[in-house]
Amino acid sequence: MKTFKVAGFFLNEPNQLREIKLIDGLIINKEDDKQAWLIELFVSKDYEEVFSHYQKQEDEMNVQVLISHPNNDPATFTAEMRDMKTLESGINILLEGRLQQMRTEYAKRTLEKLVKEGIEGDALIETFNQSMQRRRNAPAIKENK
C-alpha cells in the first residue's frame, strides 16, 4: 500500500462540482485488483450535512482528488462512505473509492463544456486542442449560492 497527501477534494454533484475545503487528508492506494483506494478527510463541521446525506442514503459519490500537490491533475473516483466521526475540531470522513480512467474523463468533460458554449467546427478543434495542452489542473468550480 502507498499513502499520499490529499491536496484538494471535489464532490461531483448534479450540475456542479463542489470543492470541499480540507483541514487535512490522506489517500491510500490499496494496490489490489479492484483498484481500491481509501480516502480519509478531515473537514470543518460545516460539511456535516453534505456527508450525512451520503451516509444516510448509502449513495455512491463521484469525487475528484488532487493527490500530493494542488497542481497535479485530479484523479476521479467512484466512492462510498465507510465512516464519519464528529470530533471536537471537525469531522473525520473515511471513503473507499475505485479509480476511474482519468485521461478520457478529462477530455470528455472538456469537449462537453466547449460544445455547451456553442463552439463548432475548426474553432472547436483548435480550442479543444489548446485546452488539452494546457490541461487545467484543478476542476472548474461553481459557486454555491
N, C-alpha and C. Protein backbone atom coordinates (compact mmCIF):
# COMPACT_ATOMS: atom_id res chain seq x y z
N MET A 1 0.85 -1.18 0.00
CA MET A 1 0.00 0.00 0.00
C MET A 1 0.89 1.24 0.00
N LYS A 2 0.38 2.27 -0.65
CA LYS A 2 1.10 3.54 -0.70
C LYS A 2 0.17 4.65 -0.23
N THR A 3 0.70 5.56 0.59
CA THR A 3 -0.07 6.66 1.16
C THR A 3 0.39 7.98 0.58
N PHE A 4 -0.59 8.85 0.27
CA PHE A 4 -0.30 10.16 -0.28
C PHE A 4 -1.14 11.22 0.44
N LYS A 5 -0.69 12.43 0.37
CA LYS A 5 -1.42 13.57 0.92
C LYS A 5 -2.53 13.96 -0.05
N VAL A 6 -3.70 14.33 0.47
CA VAL A 6 -4.78 14.88 -0.35
C VAL A 6 -4.59 16.39 -0.38
N ALA A 7 -4.38 16.93 -1.58
CA ALA A 7 -4.14 18.37 -1.72
C ALA A 7 -5.41 19.12 -2.12
N GLY A 8 -6.45 18.40 -2.49
CA GLY A 8 -7.73 19.01 -2.85
C GLY A 8 -8.77 17.93 -3.03
N PHE A 9 -10.03 18.27 -2.74
CA PHE A 9 -11.11 17.29 -2.83
C PHE A 9 -12.36 17.96 -3.38
N PHE A 10 -13.01 17.30 -4.34
CA PHE A 10 -14.17 17.86 -5.02
C PHE A 10 -15.26 16.79 -5.14
N LEU A 11 -16.49 17.18 -4.83
CA LEU A 11 -17.65 16.30 -4.99
C LEU A 11 -18.33 16.65 -6.30
N ASN A 12 -18.56 15.66 -7.16
CA ASN A 12 -19.34 15.88 -8.38
C ASN A 12 -20.80 15.72 -8.01
N GLU A 13 -21.50 16.84 -7.93
CA GLU A 13 -22.93 16.83 -7.63
C GLU A 13 -23.68 17.15 -8.92
N PRO A 14 -24.97 16.88 -8.95
CA PRO A 14 -25.72 17.18 -10.17
C PRO A 14 -25.53 18.65 -10.60
N ASN A 15 -25.05 18.82 -11.80
CA ASN A 15 -24.86 20.14 -12.41
C ASN A 15 -23.83 21.03 -11.74
N GLN A 16 -23.03 20.49 -10.84
CA GLN A 16 -21.98 21.31 -10.24
C GLN A 16 -20.87 20.46 -9.64
N LEU A 17 -19.73 21.10 -9.49
CA LEU A 17 -18.59 20.47 -8.84
C LEU A 17 -18.35 21.28 -7.57
N ARG A 18 -18.45 20.64 -6.42
CA ARG A 18 -18.33 21.34 -5.14
C ARG A 18 -16.97 21.06 -4.52
N GLU A 19 -16.22 22.11 -4.26
CA GLU A 19 -14.95 21.95 -3.56
C GLU A 19 -15.22 21.80 -2.08
N ILE A 20 -14.57 20.82 -1.48
CA ILE A 20 -14.63 20.61 -0.04
C ILE A 20 -13.30 21.08 0.52
N LYS A 21 -13.34 22.15 1.29
CA LYS A 21 -12.11 22.68 1.88
C LYS A 21 -11.62 21.73 2.97
N LEU A 22 -10.37 21.36 2.85
CA LEU A 22 -9.80 20.37 3.76
C LEU A 22 -9.02 21.02 4.90
N ILE A 23 -9.12 20.40 6.06
CA ILE A 23 -8.18 20.69 7.13
C ILE A 23 -6.96 19.80 6.91
N ASP A 24 -7.24 18.55 6.53
CA ASP A 24 -6.18 17.59 6.23
C ASP A 24 -6.79 16.40 5.50
N GLY A 25 -5.95 15.62 4.87
CA GLY A 25 -6.45 14.43 4.19
C GLY A 25 -5.34 13.53 3.71
N LEU A 26 -5.65 12.23 3.67
CA LEU A 26 -4.73 11.21 3.16
C LEU A 26 -5.49 10.32 2.19
N ILE A 27 -4.77 9.77 1.24
CA ILE A 27 -5.35 8.79 0.33
C ILE A 27 -4.39 7.62 0.24
N ILE A 28 -4.93 6.43 0.33
CA ILE A 28 -4.12 5.21 0.37
C ILE A 28 -4.49 4.33 -0.82
N ASN A 29 -3.52 4.01 -1.63
CA ASN A 29 -3.70 3.06 -2.72
C ASN A 29 -3.55 1.67 -2.12
N LYS A 30 -4.63 0.91 -2.12
CA LYS A 30 -4.60 -0.43 -1.53
C LYS A 30 -3.84 -1.42 -2.41
N GLU A 31 -3.56 -1.01 -3.66
CA GLU A 31 -2.82 -1.83 -4.61
C GLU A 31 -3.42 -3.22 -4.74
N ASP A 32 -4.74 -3.27 -4.86
CA ASP A 32 -5.41 -4.56 -5.06
C ASP A 32 -5.96 -4.64 -6.48
N ASP A 33 -6.52 -5.77 -6.82
CA ASP A 33 -7.03 -5.97 -8.18
C ASP A 33 -8.29 -5.17 -8.47
N LYS A 34 -8.92 -4.59 -7.46
CA LYS A 34 -10.13 -3.78 -7.65
C LYS A 34 -9.81 -2.30 -7.86
N GLN A 35 -8.53 -1.94 -7.85
CA GLN A 35 -8.09 -0.55 -7.93
C GLN A 35 -8.74 0.28 -6.82
N ALA A 36 -8.83 -0.29 -5.62
CA ALA A 36 -9.47 0.37 -4.49
C ALA A 36 -8.50 1.31 -3.77
N TRP A 37 -9.04 2.42 -3.32
CA TRP A 37 -8.29 3.42 -2.56
C TRP A 37 -9.11 3.79 -1.34
N LEU A 38 -8.43 4.08 -0.23
CA LEU A 38 -9.08 4.63 0.95
C LEU A 38 -8.78 6.13 0.97
N ILE A 39 -9.81 6.91 1.17
CA ILE A 39 -9.67 8.36 1.21
C ILE A 39 -10.12 8.82 2.59
N GLU A 40 -9.21 9.42 3.34
CA GLU A 40 -9.56 9.92 4.67
C GLU A 40 -9.46 11.44 4.65
N LEU A 41 -10.55 12.08 5.03
CA LEU A 41 -10.62 13.54 5.02
C LEU A 41 -10.90 14.05 6.42
N PHE A 42 -10.29 15.16 6.75
CA PHE A 42 -10.63 15.88 7.98
C PHE A 42 -11.09 17.25 7.54
N VAL A 43 -12.38 17.55 7.80
CA VAL A 43 -13.00 18.78 7.32
C VAL A 43 -13.74 19.49 8.45
N SER A 44 -14.13 20.72 8.16
CA SER A 44 -14.90 21.53 9.10
C SER A 44 -16.27 20.89 9.34
N LYS A 45 -16.85 21.17 10.50
CA LYS A 45 -18.19 20.70 10.82
C LYS A 45 -19.23 21.30 9.88
N ASP A 46 -18.86 22.33 9.12
CA ASP A 46 -19.77 22.95 8.14
C ASP A 46 -20.22 21.95 7.08
N TYR A 47 -19.45 20.89 6.86
CA TYR A 47 -19.77 19.90 5.83
C TYR A 47 -20.55 18.70 6.36
N GLU A 48 -20.95 18.74 7.62
CA GLU A 48 -21.62 17.59 8.22
C GLU A 48 -22.89 17.20 7.46
N GLU A 49 -23.70 18.17 7.08
CA GLU A 49 -24.95 17.88 6.37
C GLU A 49 -24.68 17.24 5.00
N VAL A 50 -23.66 17.73 4.31
CA VAL A 50 -23.32 17.21 2.98
C VAL A 50 -22.98 15.73 3.08
N PHE A 51 -22.09 15.38 3.99
CA PHE A 51 -21.65 13.99 4.08
C PHE A 51 -22.68 13.11 4.79
N SER A 52 -23.48 13.68 5.68
CA SER A 52 -24.54 12.91 6.33
C SER A 52 -25.53 12.38 5.29
N HIS A 53 -25.80 13.20 4.28
CA HIS A 53 -26.71 12.77 3.20
C HIS A 53 -26.20 11.49 2.56
N TYR A 54 -24.92 11.48 2.20
CA TYR A 54 -24.36 10.29 1.55
C TYR A 54 -24.34 9.09 2.50
N GLN A 55 -24.09 9.35 3.77
CA GLN A 55 -24.06 8.26 4.74
C GLN A 55 -25.45 7.66 4.94
N LYS A 56 -26.47 8.51 5.06
CA LYS A 56 -27.83 8.03 5.28
C LYS A 56 -28.40 7.33 4.05
N GLN A 57 -28.15 7.89 2.89
CA GLN A 57 -28.69 7.34 1.64
C GLN A 57 -27.88 6.17 1.12
N GLU A 58 -26.69 5.99 1.64
CA GLU A 58 -25.75 4.98 1.17
C GLU A 58 -25.52 5.13 -0.33
N ASP A 59 -25.53 6.39 -0.79
CA ASP A 59 -25.30 6.71 -2.20
C ASP A 59 -23.81 6.66 -2.53
N GLU A 60 -23.54 6.19 -3.75
CA GLU A 60 -22.18 6.34 -4.26
C GLU A 60 -21.98 7.80 -4.61
N MET A 61 -20.76 8.25 -4.49
CA MET A 61 -20.47 9.62 -4.89
C MET A 61 -19.31 9.61 -5.86
N ASN A 62 -19.37 10.54 -6.80
CA ASN A 62 -18.27 10.72 -7.73
C ASN A 62 -17.44 11.87 -7.19
N VAL A 63 -16.15 11.61 -7.03
CA VAL A 63 -15.27 12.62 -6.43
C VAL A 63 -14.01 12.78 -7.28
N GLN A 64 -13.39 13.93 -7.11
CA GLN A 64 -12.10 14.17 -7.73
C GLN A 64 -11.13 14.55 -6.62
N VAL A 65 -9.95 13.97 -6.69
CA VAL A 65 -8.95 14.17 -5.64
C VAL A 65 -7.65 14.67 -6.27
N LEU A 66 -7.13 15.76 -5.72
CA LEU A 66 -5.80 16.22 -6.10
C LEU A 66 -4.84 15.53 -5.14
N ILE A 67 -3.99 14.68 -5.70
CA ILE A 67 -3.11 13.85 -4.88
C ILE A 67 -1.72 14.48 -4.81
N SER A 68 -1.22 14.64 -3.61
CA SER A 68 0.13 15.12 -3.28
C SER A 68 0.35 16.61 -3.47
N HIS A 69 -0.13 17.18 -4.56
CA HIS A 69 0.15 18.59 -4.86
C HIS A 69 -1.04 19.22 -5.57
N PRO A 70 -1.39 20.46 -5.24
CA PRO A 70 -2.56 21.08 -5.88
C PRO A 70 -2.42 21.28 -7.39
N ASN A 71 -1.22 21.22 -7.92
CA ASN A 71 -1.04 21.39 -9.37
C ASN A 71 -1.11 20.08 -10.14
N ASN A 72 -1.26 18.96 -9.45
CA ASN A 72 -1.43 17.68 -10.15
C ASN A 72 -2.83 17.61 -10.76
N ASP A 73 -2.97 16.83 -11.82
CA ASP A 73 -4.29 16.60 -12.40
C ASP A 73 -5.14 15.84 -11.40
N PRO A 74 -6.43 16.13 -11.34
CA PRO A 74 -7.29 15.40 -10.40
C PRO A 74 -7.50 13.96 -10.84
N ALA A 75 -7.57 13.07 -9.86
CA ALA A 75 -7.92 11.67 -10.10
C ALA A 75 -9.40 11.52 -9.77
N THR A 76 -10.14 10.83 -10.63
CA THR A 76 -11.57 10.66 -10.45
C THR A 76 -11.86 9.29 -9.83
N PHE A 77 -12.73 9.30 -8.82
CA PHE A 77 -13.10 8.09 -8.10
C PHE A 77 -14.62 7.98 -7.98
N THR A 78 -15.11 6.76 -7.97
CA THR A 78 -16.46 6.47 -7.51
C THR A 78 -16.26 5.96 -6.09
N ALA A 79 -16.88 6.64 -5.11
CA ALA A 79 -16.58 6.34 -3.71
C ALA A 79 -17.85 6.07 -2.91
N GLU A 80 -17.66 5.30 -1.85
CA GLU A 80 -18.73 5.01 -0.90
C GLU A 80 -18.26 5.42 0.49
N MET A 81 -19.20 5.95 1.26
CA MET A 81 -18.91 6.35 2.63
C MET A 81 -18.71 5.10 3.49
N ARG A 82 -17.61 5.05 4.20
CA ARG A 82 -17.34 3.93 5.11
C ARG A 82 -17.56 4.32 6.56
N ASP A 83 -17.23 5.60 6.89
CA ASP A 83 -17.37 6.04 8.28
C ASP A 83 -17.33 7.55 8.34
N MET A 84 -18.02 8.10 9.32
CA MET A 84 -17.96 9.54 9.58
C MET A 84 -18.03 9.74 11.08
N LYS A 85 -17.04 10.44 11.60
CA LYS A 85 -16.99 10.70 13.04
C LYS A 85 -16.87 12.20 13.28
N THR A 86 -17.74 12.70 14.15
CA THR A 86 -17.67 14.10 14.53
C THR A 86 -16.72 14.21 15.72
N LEU A 87 -15.70 15.03 15.55
CA LEU A 87 -14.72 15.26 16.61
C LEU A 87 -14.86 16.68 17.12
N GLU A 88 -14.10 17.02 18.12
CA GLU A 88 -14.19 18.35 18.70
C GLU A 88 -13.87 19.45 17.69
N SER A 89 -12.88 19.22 16.83
CA SER A 89 -12.43 20.29 15.93
C SER A 89 -12.80 20.06 14.46
N GLY A 90 -13.67 19.10 14.17
CA GLY A 90 -14.06 18.87 12.79
C GLY A 90 -14.68 17.50 12.60
N ILE A 91 -14.73 17.07 11.34
CA ILE A 91 -15.32 15.78 11.00
C ILE A 91 -14.28 14.93 10.29
N ASN A 92 -14.17 13.68 10.73
CA ASN A 92 -13.30 12.72 10.07
C ASN A 92 -14.17 11.83 9.17
N ILE A 93 -13.82 11.77 7.89
CA ILE A 93 -14.60 11.03 6.91
C ILE A 93 -13.70 9.98 6.27
N LEU A 94 -14.22 8.75 6.18
CA LEU A 94 -13.49 7.68 5.53
C LEU A 94 -14.32 7.19 4.34
N LEU A 95 -13.72 7.25 3.16
CA LEU A 95 -14.36 6.79 1.92
C LEU A 95 -13.54 5.66 1.33
N GLU A 96 -14.21 4.76 0.63
CA GLU A 96 -13.50 3.77 -0.17
C GLU A 96 -13.88 4.05 -1.62
N GLY A 97 -12.85 4.23 -2.46
CA GLY A 97 -13.12 4.60 -3.84
C GLY A 97 -12.46 3.67 -4.84
N ARG A 98 -13.04 3.67 -6.03
CA ARG A 98 -12.45 2.94 -7.16
C ARG A 98 -12.01 3.97 -8.19
N LEU A 99 -10.77 3.88 -8.57
CA LEU A 99 -10.18 4.82 -9.51
C LEU A 99 -10.80 4.65 -10.89
N GLN A 100 -11.20 5.76 -11.48
CA GLN A 100 -11.76 5.76 -12.83
C GLN A 100 -10.67 6.20 -13.81
N GLN A 101 -10.88 5.96 -15.09
CA GLN A 101 -9.93 6.39 -16.10
C GLN A 101 -9.94 7.91 -16.16
N MET A 102 -8.79 8.54 -15.92
CA MET A 102 -8.76 9.99 -15.84
C MET A 102 -8.55 10.66 -17.18
N ARG A 103 -7.67 10.15 -17.98
CA ARG A 103 -7.34 10.83 -19.24
C ARG A 103 -8.57 11.04 -20.10
N THR A 104 -9.35 9.99 -20.31
CA THR A 104 -10.52 10.14 -21.17
C THR A 104 -11.61 10.95 -20.49
N GLU A 105 -11.72 10.85 -19.19
CA GLU A 105 -12.74 11.62 -18.46
C GLU A 105 -12.49 13.11 -18.60
N TYR A 106 -11.26 13.53 -18.47
CA TYR A 106 -10.93 14.95 -18.62
C TYR A 106 -11.27 15.42 -20.04
N ALA A 107 -10.93 14.63 -21.03
CA ALA A 107 -11.20 15.01 -22.42
C ALA A 107 -12.71 15.10 -22.66
N LYS A 108 -13.48 14.16 -22.12
CA LYS A 108 -14.94 14.19 -22.29
C LYS A 108 -15.53 15.44 -21.65
N ARG A 109 -15.11 15.76 -20.43
CA ARG A 109 -15.63 16.95 -19.75
C ARG A 109 -15.28 18.22 -20.51
N THR A 110 -14.05 18.28 -21.02
CA THR A 110 -13.60 19.46 -21.75
C THR A 110 -14.42 19.63 -23.04
N LEU A 111 -14.58 18.55 -23.78
CA LEU A 111 -15.33 18.62 -25.04
C LEU A 111 -16.80 18.99 -24.78
N GLU A 112 -17.39 18.38 -23.78
CA GLU A 112 -18.78 18.69 -23.44
C GLU A 112 -18.94 20.17 -23.09
N LYS A 113 -18.03 20.71 -22.32
CA LYS A 113 -18.07 22.12 -21.93
C LYS A 113 -17.99 23.03 -23.16
N LEU A 114 -17.08 22.73 -24.07
CA LEU A 114 -16.91 23.56 -25.26
C LEU A 114 -18.13 23.50 -26.17
N VAL A 115 -18.72 22.33 -26.32
CA VAL A 115 -19.93 22.20 -27.14
C VAL A 115 -21.08 22.98 -26.52
N LYS A 116 -21.22 22.91 -25.18
CA LYS A 116 -22.27 23.67 -24.49
C LYS A 116 -22.06 25.17 -24.66
N GLU A 117 -20.81 25.59 -24.83
CA GLU A 117 -20.51 27.01 -25.06
C GLU A 117 -20.81 27.42 -26.50
N GLY A 118 -21.18 26.43 -27.33
CA GLY A 118 -21.56 26.73 -28.71
C GLY A 118 -20.40 26.80 -29.69
N ILE A 119 -19.26 26.33 -29.32
CA ILE A 119 -18.10 26.34 -30.22
C ILE A 119 -18.25 25.19 -31.21
N GLU A 120 -17.99 25.46 -32.50
CA GLU A 120 -18.20 24.46 -33.54
C GLU A 120 -17.03 24.41 -34.51
N GLY A 121 -17.03 23.37 -35.33
CA GLY A 121 -16.11 23.25 -36.47
C GLY A 121 -14.64 23.36 -36.09
N ASP A 122 -13.90 24.08 -36.94
CA ASP A 122 -12.46 24.24 -36.73
C ASP A 122 -12.14 24.94 -35.41
N ALA A 123 -12.99 25.88 -35.01
CA ALA A 123 -12.79 26.58 -33.74
C ALA A 123 -12.88 25.60 -32.57
N LEU A 124 -13.81 24.64 -32.66
CA LEU A 124 -13.94 23.62 -31.62
C LEU A 124 -12.67 22.78 -31.53
N ILE A 125 -12.19 22.34 -32.67
CA ILE A 125 -10.97 21.51 -32.70
C ILE A 125 -9.79 22.28 -32.12
N GLU A 126 -9.62 23.52 -32.53
CA GLU A 126 -8.49 24.33 -32.06
C GLU A 126 -8.59 24.60 -30.56
N THR A 127 -9.78 24.99 -30.10
CA THR A 127 -9.96 25.29 -28.67
C THR A 127 -9.78 24.04 -27.83
N PHE A 128 -10.31 22.91 -28.31
CA PHE A 128 -10.16 21.64 -27.59
C PHE A 128 -8.68 21.28 -27.47
N ASN A 129 -7.94 21.37 -28.57
CA ASN A 129 -6.51 21.05 -28.54
C ASN A 129 -5.75 21.95 -27.59
N GLN A 130 -6.07 23.23 -27.58
CA GLN A 130 -5.41 24.17 -26.67
C GLN A 130 -5.73 23.80 -25.21
N SER A 131 -6.99 23.46 -24.96
CA SER A 131 -7.40 23.08 -23.60
C SER A 131 -6.67 21.83 -23.14
N MET A 132 -6.53 20.87 -24.03
CA MET A 132 -5.85 19.63 -23.66
C MET A 132 -4.36 19.87 -23.42
N GLN A 133 -3.77 20.81 -24.16
CA GLN A 133 -2.35 21.09 -23.98
C GLN A 133 -2.08 21.79 -22.65
N ARG A 134 -2.96 22.69 -22.26
CA ARG A 134 -2.70 23.42 -21.01
C ARG A 134 -3.38 22.77 -19.82
N ARG A 135 -4.20 21.75 -20.07
CA ARG A 135 -4.90 20.97 -19.05
C ARG A 135 -4.99 21.64 -17.70
N ARG A 136 -6.08 22.26 -17.45
CA ARG A 136 -6.29 22.86 -16.13
C ARG A 136 -6.18 21.77 -15.08
N ASN A 137 -5.40 22.02 -14.07
CA ASN A 137 -5.17 21.01 -13.06
C ASN A 137 -6.33 20.90 -12.07
N ALA A 138 -6.89 22.00 -11.68
CA ALA A 138 -7.99 21.96 -10.73
C ALA A 138 -9.30 21.99 -11.50
N PRO A 139 -10.29 21.24 -11.05
CA PRO A 139 -11.58 21.25 -11.71
C PRO A 139 -12.22 22.64 -11.62
N ALA A 140 -13.05 22.95 -12.60
CA ALA A 140 -13.80 24.21 -12.57
C ALA A 140 -14.83 24.11 -11.45
N ILE A 141 -14.93 25.14 -10.67
CA ILE A 141 -15.80 25.13 -9.50
C ILE A 141 -16.91 26.14 -9.71
N LYS A 142 -18.15 25.72 -9.47
CA LYS A 142 -19.28 26.64 -9.49
C LYS A 142 -19.56 27.05 -8.06
N GLU A 143 -19.75 28.32 -7.86
CA GLU A 143 -20.03 28.83 -6.51
C GLU A 143 -21.40 28.37 -6.04
N ASN A 144 -21.52 28.00 -4.80
CA ASN A 144 -22.81 27.65 -4.20
C ASN A 144 -23.45 28.93 -3.71
N LYS A 145 -24.70 29.11 -4.06
CA LYS A 145 -25.39 30.35 -3.64
C LYS A 145 -26.52 30.02 -2.72
